[in-house]
Amino acid sequence: MSSNPIFRRHAALVDRMADRMGIDLEEAVLRGRLEFEELSEAVIRCAGCLNPDSCEYVLDHSIGSGAPAYCRNTELFNRMGRNK
């Protein structure tokens, strides 16, 4: 995506959150269920989040299930989860 450390961090958060929800983003792109542009937009949405440290904490400590209420990609994750 980018060598920008902010985008790398948020790309990892998007991927980890998707994994947490049982979504393989790479497979979804390869199978045409998710456009690469949609994935890029998800990373950009995540990069605009004011809570990346909280998100990392939730992921690192397996708190709750699904995406946190403040996640800007909840709609995408829910749609992808339904279309598995």
C-alpha atoms as a PDB file:
ATOM      1  CA  MET A   1       0.000   0.000   0.000  1.00  0.00           C
ATOM      2  CA  SER A   2       2.405   2.658   1.187  1.00  0.00           C
ATOM      3  CA  SER A   3       5.706   3.022   2.950  1.00  0.00           C
ATOM      4  CA  ASN A   4       4.012   5.583   5.217  1.00  0.00           C
ATOM      5  CA  PRO A   5       4.186   4.203   8.787  1.00  0.00           C
ATOM      6  CA  ILE A   6       0.711   5.539   9.600  1.00  0.00           C
ATOM      7  CA  PHE A   7      -0.848   3.653   6.702  1.00  0.00           C
ATOM      8  CA  ARG A   8       1.171   0.516   7.498  1.00  0.00           C
ATOM      9  CA  ARG A   9      -0.096   0.649  11.091  1.00  0.00           C
ATOM     10  CA  HIS A  10      -3.699   1.059  10.014  1.00  0.00           C
ATOM     11  CA  ALA A  11      -3.438  -1.558   7.265  1.00  0.00           C
ATOM     12  CA  ALA A  12      -2.313  -3.980   9.987  1.00  0.00           C
ATOM     13  CA  LEU A  13      -5.206  -2.931  12.244  1.00  0.00           C
ATOM     14  CA  VAL A  14      -7.737  -3.464   9.441  1.00  0.00           C
ATOM     15  CA  ASP A  15      -6.246  -6.883   8.700  1.00  0.00           C
ATOM     16  CA  ARG A  16      -6.170  -7.914  12.375  1.00  0.00           C
ATOM     17  CA  MET A  17      -9.766  -6.786  12.940  1.00  0.00           C
ATOM     18  CA  ALA A  18     -10.904  -8.679   9.856  1.00  0.00           C
ATOM     19  CA  ASP A  19      -9.068 -11.793  11.076  1.00  0.00           C
ATOM     20  CA  ARG A  20     -10.758 -11.390  14.456  1.00  0.00           C
ATOM     21  CA  MET A  21     -14.094 -11.475  12.645  1.00  0.00           C
ATOM     22  CA  GLY A  22     -13.133 -14.510  10.550  1.00  0.00           C
ATOM     23  CA  ILE A  23     -12.644 -12.534   7.337  1.00  0.00           C
ATOM     24  CA  ASP A  24      -9.677 -13.214   5.064  1.00  0.00           C
ATOM     25  CA  LEU A  25      -9.309  -9.923   3.196  1.00  0.00           C
ATOM     26  CA  GLU A  26      -6.682 -11.235   0.782  1.00  0.00           C
ATOM     27  CA  GLU A  27      -8.916 -14.128  -0.225  1.00  0.00           C
ATOM     28  CA  ALA A  28     -11.903 -11.772  -0.552  1.00  0.00           C
ATOM     29  CA  VAL A  29      -9.940  -9.567  -2.967  1.00  0.00           C
ATOM     30  CA  LEU A  30      -8.677 -12.567  -4.960  1.00  0.00           C
ATOM     31  CA  ARG A  31     -12.214 -13.985  -5.248  1.00  0.00           C
ATOM     32  CA  GLY A  32     -13.666 -10.638  -6.284  1.00  0.00           C
ATOM     33  CA  ARG A  33     -15.830 -10.266  -3.170  1.00  0.00           C
ATOM     34  CA  LEU A  34     -13.909  -7.132  -2.231  1.00  0.00           C
ATOM     35  CA  GLU A  35     -12.382  -4.616  -4.617  1.00  0.00           C
ATOM     36  CA  PHE A  36      -8.824  -3.544  -3.869  1.00  0.00           C
ATOM     37  CA  GLU A  37     -10.086   0.057  -3.865  1.00  0.00           C
ATOM     38  CA  GLU A  38     -12.567  -0.845  -1.096  1.00  0.00           C
ATOM     39  CA  LEU A  39      -9.715  -2.283   0.954  1.00  0.00           C
ATOM     40  CA  SER A  40      -7.651   0.864   0.406  1.00  0.00           C
ATOM     41  CA  GLU A  41     -10.608   2.992   1.477  1.00  0.00           C
ATOM     42  CA  ALA A  42     -10.965   0.885   4.632  1.00  0.00           C
ATOM     43  CA  VAL A  43      -7.345   1.608   5.538  1.00  0.00           C
ATOM     44  CA  ILE A  44      -7.876   5.322   4.895  1.00  0.00           C
ATOM     45  CA  ARG A  45     -11.005   5.291   7.094  1.00  0.00           C
ATOM     46  CA  CYS A  46      -9.027   3.535   9.812  1.00  0.00           C
ATOM     47  CA  ALA A  47      -6.196   6.074   9.501  1.00  0.00           C
ATOM     48  CA  GLY A  48      -8.724   8.790  10.322  1.00  0.00           C
ATOM     49  CA  CYS A  49      -9.682   7.085  13.588  1.00  0.00           C
ATOM     50  CA  LEU A  50      -8.852   8.838  16.832  1.00  0.00           C
ATOM     51  CA  ASN A  51      -8.614   5.529  18.777  1.00  0.00           C
ATOM     52  CA  PRO A  52      -5.899   3.363  17.179  1.00  0.00           C
ATOM     53  CA  ASP A  53      -4.236   2.719  20.544  1.00  0.00           C
ATOM     54  CA  SER A  54      -7.559   1.539  21.978  1.00  0.00           C
ATOM     55  CA  CYS A  55      -8.123  -0.651  18.942  1.00  0.00           C
ATOM     56  CA  GLU A  56      -4.690  -2.243  19.347  1.00  0.00           C
ATOM     57  CA  TYR A  57      -5.434  -2.854  23.018  1.00  0.00           C
ATOM     58  CA  VAL A  58      -8.748  -4.531  22.167  1.00  0.00           C
ATOM     59  CA  LEU A  59      -7.022  -6.730  19.576  1.00  0.00           C
ATOM     60  CA  ASP A  60      -4.018  -7.543  21.768  1.00  0.00           C
ATOM     61  CA  HIS A  61      -6.187  -8.549  24.721  1.00  0.00           C
ATOM     62  CA  SER A  62      -9.075 -10.230  22.847  1.00  0.00           C
ATOM     63  CA  ILE A  63     -11.639  -7.956  24.475  1.00  0.00           C
ATOM     64  CA  GLY A  64     -15.224  -8.504  23.362  1.00  0.00           C
ATOM     65  CA  SER A  65     -16.114  -9.789  19.936  1.00  0.00           C
ATOM     66  CA  GLY A  66     -16.393  -8.015  16.650  1.00  0.00           C
ATOM     67  CA  ALA A  67     -15.248  -4.507  15.967  1.00  0.00           C
ATOM     68  CA  PRO A  68     -15.412  -1.843  18.671  1.00  0.00           C
ATOM     69  CA  ALA A  69     -18.384   0.523  18.480  1.00  0.00           C
ATOM     70  CA  TYR A  70     -16.150   3.347  17.269  1.00  0.00           C
ATOM     71  CA  CYS A  71     -14.694   1.344  14.347  1.00  0.00           C
ATOM     72  CA  ARG A  72     -15.094   3.188  11.062  1.00  0.00           C
ATOM     73  CA  ASN A  73     -15.117  -0.121   9.158  1.00  0.00           C
ATOM     74  CA  THR A  74     -17.858  -1.934  11.072  1.00  0.00           C
ATOM     75  CA  GLU A  75     -20.218  -1.807   8.093  1.00  0.00           C
ATOM     76  CA  LEU A  76     -17.593  -3.313   5.768  1.00  0.00           C
ATOM     77  CA  PHE A  77     -16.671  -6.036   8.262  1.00  0.00           C
ATOM     78  CA  ASN A  78     -20.326  -6.914   8.872  1.00  0.00           C
ATOM     79  CA  ARG A  79     -21.013  -7.096   5.113  1.00  0.00           C
ATOM     80  CA  MET A  80     -17.946  -9.244   4.504  1.00  0.00           C
ATOM     81  CA  GLY A  81     -18.855 -11.506   7.422  1.00  0.00           C
ATOM     82  CA  ARG A  82     -22.329 -12.092   5.995  1.00  0.00           C
ATOM     83  CA  ASN A  83     -20.920 -12.916   2.546  1.00  0.00           C
ATOM     84  CA  LYS A  84     -18.387 -15.539   3.623  1.00  0.00           C
END
